[in-house]
Amino acid sequence: MLCCSRIALILSDADCEKITAVLLKSRTGEFDLESILFLKLRGLGIHDLGCIGECVNLERLDLSGNNITNLAPLASLRLLSVLNLSANRISNLGKISESPLRSCDSLQNLNVAGNIISSIESLHCLQSLRKLENIRLKDNTYNYTNPVCRNTSYRTIVLEMFPNIKVLDGERVVGRGSDLYQLCKDIDDTIKAGLYKNGQLIEHPDCKPWVEDSYWEIKRSNNAIIEEAYKQFNDVLHECRLLNNRATHVISQTERSMSLKKQPKQFAI
């Protein structure tokens, strides 16, 4: 019986072009679809979301690495906060009034990198999502992108469309850390501009180190006060070790005496 259930599970994973109740239950171990809160269906060849909409309490959903094109079944997932749709075949997120994602009021994190979204207008349907703070349309780590990212004004336009987002394509744009990202970007741009002239790399044969070779060597201080402090510290540390050894000895003796008291008395007959 156990072997049959394993075979059924393998078959359901191997042939799951459409999401079914059987697939969802086998992947999560939940009997009731409404009890599923987190779901990972990565790289299963799915192209039809099927009954995913019945998981009405779903909060985190990973559908990356599939063949999904139609997002309509996601419309009923109003509690969904994290949605990963990277590496699929999505070309359009839907019209403003008809997009299924427009109903996902709780959505905070959306990853659609590695699809075929070519129009900025396709993102307008997300503007009504007040909680959305993290959008990813490209991922340099996995070399995922979208045709829309080739637009030179892409980043500026997206930030204007979504003034409340905190992270775009993995880079923090507001809040803690945003200044560092911007500083690094400015430094990179400056370096690139200085390295090239008329498309040619400028060579600098006479470059010299900023500091001497011995600059980074740790020099021992000859200050008598510091040395005396080190000596006192070592003396205190030695005393602590002696006290620890004494305490350990006293504890072991106490435990031994207590164990002897607990032993039942034996009377000669």
Protein backbone atom coordinates (compact mmCIF):
# COMPACT_ATOMS: atom_id res chain seq x y z
CA MET A 1 0.00 0.00 0.00
CA LEU A 2 2.87 2.33 0.87
CA CYS A 3 4.61 1.60 -2.43
CA CYS A 4 1.42 2.42 -4.34
CA SER A 5 1.08 5.77 -2.60
CA ARG A 6 4.69 6.62 -3.44
CA ILE A 7 4.16 5.68 -7.08
CA ALA A 8 1.02 7.83 -7.19
CA LEU A 9 2.95 10.76 -5.77
CA ILE A 10 5.76 10.34 -8.33
CA LEU A 11 3.27 10.17 -11.17
CA SER A 12 1.41 13.23 -9.94
CA ASP A 13 4.69 15.21 -9.81
CA ALA A 14 5.85 13.99 -13.21
CA ASP A 15 2.60 14.68 -14.99
CA CYS A 16 1.17 17.88 -13.51
CA GLU A 17 0.59 20.23 -16.42
CA LYS A 18 -2.58 21.27 -14.60
CA ILE A 19 -2.92 21.97 -10.89
CA THR A 20 -5.43 19.58 -9.34
CA ALA A 21 -6.71 18.98 -5.83
CA VAL A 22 -4.82 15.67 -5.76
CA LEU A 23 -1.56 17.42 -6.62
CA LEU A 24 -2.07 20.11 -3.98
CA LYS A 25 -2.92 17.60 -1.25
CA SER A 26 0.02 15.36 -2.12
CA ARG A 27 2.47 18.26 -2.11
CA THR A 28 1.28 19.80 1.17
CA GLY A 29 -0.19 16.92 3.14
CA GLU A 30 -3.33 19.00 3.78
CA PHE A 31 -6.75 17.40 3.31
CA ASP A 32 -8.60 20.70 2.97
CA LEU A 33 -7.38 23.13 0.29
CA GLU A 34 -8.45 26.07 2.43
CA SER A 35 -5.90 25.00 5.06
CA ILE A 36 -2.94 25.53 2.71
CA LEU A 37 -0.98 28.66 3.64
CA PHE A 38 2.35 28.09 1.87
CA LEU A 39 2.79 26.36 -1.46
CA LYS A 40 5.84 25.63 -3.63
CA LEU A 41 5.21 24.24 -7.12
CA ARG A 42 8.52 25.11 -8.71
CA GLY A 43 9.67 23.59 -12.01
CA LEU A 44 6.83 21.10 -12.53
CA GLY A 45 5.92 22.02 -16.11
CA ILE A 46 2.59 23.57 -15.06
CA HIS A 47 0.73 25.60 -17.68
CA ASP A 48 -2.79 25.50 -16.23
CA LEU A 49 -3.36 26.85 -12.71
CA GLY A 50 -6.50 24.74 -12.40
CA CYS A 51 -8.02 24.81 -8.90
CA ILE A 52 -5.33 26.98 -7.27
CA GLY A 53 -8.06 29.55 -6.62
CA GLU A 54 -9.65 27.23 -4.04
CA CYS A 55 -6.67 27.80 -1.71
CA VAL A 56 -8.30 31.00 -0.51
CA ASN A 57 -6.09 31.32 2.59
CA LEU A 58 -2.83 30.99 0.68
CA GLU A 59 -0.20 33.53 1.79
CA ARG A 60 2.97 32.52 -0.07
CA LEU A 61 3.01 30.92 -3.52
CA ASP A 62 6.02 29.86 -5.62
CA LEU A 63 5.18 28.95 -9.23
CA SER A 64 8.60 29.71 -10.71
CA GLY A 65 10.09 27.69 -13.56
CA ASN A 66 6.82 26.56 -15.20
CA ASN A 67 4.96 27.32 -18.44
CA ILE A 68 2.22 29.55 -17.07
CA THR A 69 0.59 32.14 -19.33
CA ASN A 70 -2.87 32.69 -17.80
CA LEU A 71 -3.15 34.13 -14.28
CA ALA A 72 -6.96 34.23 -14.02
CA PRO A 73 -7.27 31.58 -11.23
CA LEU A 74 -5.19 33.78 -8.91
CA ALA A 75 -7.99 36.36 -8.60
CA SER A 76 -9.51 34.74 -5.50
CA LEU A 77 -6.26 34.73 -3.49
CA ARG A 78 -6.94 37.89 -1.51
CA LEU A 79 -4.59 36.94 1.36
CA LEU A 80 -1.62 36.25 -0.90
CA SER A 81 1.37 38.35 0.20
CA VAL A 82 4.30 36.75 -1.70
CA LEU A 83 3.99 35.56 -5.32
CA ASN A 84 6.87 34.15 -7.37
CA LEU A 85 6.08 33.77 -11.07
CA SER A 86 9.64 34.00 -12.37
CA ALA A 87 10.78 31.96 -15.39
CA ASN A 88 7.35 31.39 -16.94
CA ARG A 89 5.74 32.48 -20.23
CA ILE A 90 3.73 35.47 -19.05
CA SER A 91 3.44 38.23 -21.63
CA ASN A 92 0.77 40.37 -20.01
CA LEU A 93 -0.42 40.83 -16.44
CA GLY A 94 -3.86 41.84 -17.74
CA LYS A 95 -5.82 45.03 -18.33
CA ILE A 96 -6.35 47.43 -15.44
CA SER A 97 -9.98 46.44 -14.91
CA GLU A 98 -9.57 42.75 -15.73
CA SER A 99 -6.23 41.74 -14.22
CA PRO A 100 -6.54 38.87 -11.72
CA LEU A 101 -3.68 40.29 -9.66
CA ARG A 102 -5.75 43.42 -9.05
CA SER A 103 -7.82 41.39 -6.56
CA CYS A 104 -4.79 40.29 -4.55
CA ASP A 105 -5.17 43.11 -2.03
CA SER A 106 -2.53 41.74 0.38
CA LEU A 107 0.23 41.31 -2.20
CA GLN A 108 3.54 42.73 -0.97
CA ASN A 109 6.18 40.90 -2.98
CA LEU A 110 5.86 40.08 -6.70
CA ASN A 111 8.52 38.37 -8.81
CA VAL A 112 7.85 38.14 -12.56
CA ALA A 113 11.48 38.10 -13.75
CA GLY A 114 12.29 35.79 -16.64
CA ASN A 115 9.01 36.23 -18.55
CA ILE A 116 8.13 37.96 -21.82
CA ILE A 117 6.48 41.14 -20.54
CA SER A 118 7.25 43.78 -23.15
CA SER A 119 5.04 46.73 -22.22
CA ILE A 120 5.16 49.15 -19.31
CA GLU A 121 1.39 49.48 -19.65
CA SER A 122 1.10 45.87 -18.50
CA LEU A 123 2.15 47.00 -15.04
CA HIS A 124 -0.63 49.57 -14.61
CA CYS A 125 -2.94 46.93 -13.18
CA LEU A 126 -0.67 46.68 -10.12
CA GLN A 127 -1.02 50.34 -9.14
CA SER A 128 -4.11 49.68 -7.04
CA LEU A 129 -2.19 47.27 -4.77
CA ARG A 130 -1.43 49.58 -1.85
CA LYS A 131 0.65 47.03 0.06
CA LEU A 132 2.96 46.18 -2.84
CA GLU A 133 6.51 47.14 -1.86
CA ASN A 134 8.78 44.72 -3.71
CA ILE A 135 8.67 44.21 -7.51
CA ARG A 136 11.15 42.19 -9.52
CA LEU A 137 11.17 42.18 -13.32
CA LYS A 138 14.79 41.17 -13.71
CA ASP A 139 17.19 39.06 -11.68
CA ASN A 140 20.88 39.31 -12.51
CA THR A 141 21.71 36.33 -10.30
CA TYR A 142 19.82 33.91 -12.54
CA ASN A 143 20.05 36.06 -15.67
CA TYR A 144 16.26 36.51 -15.71
CA THR A 145 14.76 39.56 -17.37
CA ASN A 146 11.84 40.85 -19.46
CA PRO A 147 11.84 42.70 -22.79
CA VAL A 148 10.42 45.76 -21.02
CA CYS A 149 13.66 46.08 -19.04
CA ARG A 150 15.55 47.01 -22.21
CA ASN A 151 13.82 50.39 -22.19
CA THR A 152 16.40 52.96 -21.06
CA SER A 153 13.76 54.75 -18.99
CA TYR A 154 12.38 51.53 -17.51
CA ARG A 155 13.59 52.09 -13.96
CA THR A 156 12.51 55.74 -13.82
CA ILE A 157 9.05 54.98 -15.19
CA VAL A 158 8.44 52.08 -12.80
CA LEU A 159 9.48 54.16 -9.80
CA GLU A 160 7.10 56.91 -10.89
CA MET A 161 4.28 54.39 -11.33
CA PHE A 162 4.87 52.88 -7.90
CA PRO A 163 6.02 55.65 -5.54
CA ASN A 164 5.47 53.44 -2.48
CA ILE A 165 7.67 50.49 -3.43
CA LYS A 166 10.80 49.91 -1.37
CA VAL A 167 12.65 47.36 -3.52
CA LEU A 168 12.91 47.18 -7.31
CA ASP A 169 14.73 44.27 -8.97
CA GLY A 170 16.45 43.40 -5.70
CA GLU A 171 17.75 46.93 -5.05
CA ARG A 172 16.36 48.97 -2.18
CA VAL A 173 15.12 52.31 -3.50
CA VAL A 174 13.81 53.88 -0.28
CA GLY A 175 14.41 53.40 3.41
CA ARG A 176 17.44 51.90 5.10
CA GLY A 177 20.13 50.90 2.62
CA SER A 178 18.78 52.86 -0.35
CA ASP A 179 21.52 55.51 -0.08
CA LEU A 180 24.18 52.80 -0.25
CA TYR A 181 22.66 51.31 -3.42
CA GLN A 182 22.53 54.74 -5.03
CA LEU A 183 26.11 55.53 -3.97
CA CYS A 184 27.39 52.25 -5.45
CA LYS A 185 25.51 52.94 -8.67
CA ASP A 186 26.97 56.45 -8.92
CA ILE A 187 30.48 55.11 -8.27
CA ASP A 188 30.07 52.45 -10.97
CA ASP A 189 28.82 55.04 -13.46
CA THR A 190 31.71 57.37 -12.65
CA ILE A 191 34.29 54.60 -12.99
CA LYS A 192 32.85 53.44 -16.30
CA ALA A 193 32.82 57.00 -17.62
CA GLY A 194 36.46 57.50 -16.58
CA LEU A 195 37.77 54.19 -17.95
CA TYR A 196 36.59 54.75 -21.51
CA LYS A 197 37.26 57.54 -23.98
CA ASN A 198 35.66 57.44 -27.42
CA GLY A 199 34.77 53.81 -26.78
CA GLN A 200 38.38 52.85 -26.01
CA LEU A 201 39.73 51.69 -22.65
CA ILE A 202 42.17 54.22 -21.19
CA GLU A 203 45.40 52.73 -19.87
CA HIS A 204 47.08 54.14 -16.76
CA PRO A 205 50.61 52.69 -16.63
CA ASP A 206 51.84 55.02 -13.85
CA CYS A 207 49.24 54.06 -11.25
CA LYS A 208 50.73 53.90 -7.76
CA PRO A 209 49.35 52.61 -4.45
CA TRP A 210 47.63 55.19 -2.27
CA VAL A 211 49.56 54.13 0.84
CA GLU A 212 52.91 52.55 1.62
CA ASP A 213 53.29 48.78 1.89
CA SER A 214 53.77 48.95 5.66
CA TYR A 215 50.59 51.03 6.18
CA TRP A 216 48.37 48.03 6.94
CA GLU A 217 50.79 46.32 9.31
CA ILE A 218 49.62 46.11 12.92
CA LYS A 219 52.17 47.88 15.08
CA ARG A 220 52.56 46.85 18.70
CA SER A 221 52.19 49.72 21.13
CA ASN A 222 55.02 50.45 23.58
CA ASN A 223 52.76 52.32 25.93
CA ALA A 224 53.49 51.20 29.49
CA ILE A 225 49.93 51.87 30.61
CA ILE A 226 48.50 49.51 27.99
CA GLU A 227 51.02 46.80 28.86
CA GLU A 228 50.19 47.10 32.55
CA ALA A 229 46.47 46.82 31.71
CA TYR A 230 47.16 43.63 29.74
CA LYS A 231 49.10 42.22 32.71
CA GLN A 232 46.29 43.01 35.16
CA PHE A 233 43.73 41.48 32.83
CA ASN A 234 45.72 38.25 32.55
CA ASP A 235 46.05 38.10 36.35
CA VAL A 236 42.28 38.47 36.79
CA LEU A 237 41.67 35.84 34.13
CA HIS A 238 44.00 33.44 35.95
CA GLU A 239 42.15 34.00 39.23
CA CYS A 240 38.82 33.36 37.51
CA ARG A 241 40.10 30.04 36.22
CA LEU A 242 41.25 29.02 39.72
CA LEU A 243 37.85 29.95 41.17
CA ASN A 244 36.12 27.97 38.44
CA ASN A 245 38.17 24.88 39.24
CA ARG A 246 37.41 25.20 42.96
CA ALA A 247 33.69 25.65 42.27
CA THR A 248 33.66 22.57 40.03
CA HIS A 249 35.37 20.53 42.78
CA VAL A 250 32.87 21.69 45.46
CA ILE A 251 29.89 20.95 43.21
CA SER A 252 31.13 17.43 42.45
CA GLN A 253 31.67 16.72 46.16
CA THR A 254 28.18 18.00 47.02
CA GLU A 255 26.56 15.88 44.32
CA ARG A 256 28.45 12.81 45.55
CA SER A 257 27.35 13.32 49.15
CA MET A 258 23.72 13.89 48.11
CA SER A 259 23.70 10.71 46.07
CA LEU A 260 25.00 8.74 49.05
CA LYS A 261 22.23 10.12 51.29
CA LYS A 262 19.56 9.06 48.80
CA GLN A 263 20.70 5.44 48.80
CA PRO A 264 18.37 3.21 50.91
CA LYS A 265 19.79 1.93 54.15
CA GLN A 266 20.49 -1.77 54.32
CA PHE A 267 19.85 -3.68 57.55
CA ALA A 268 21.50 -6.96 58.37
CA ILE A 269 19.09 -9.87 58.91
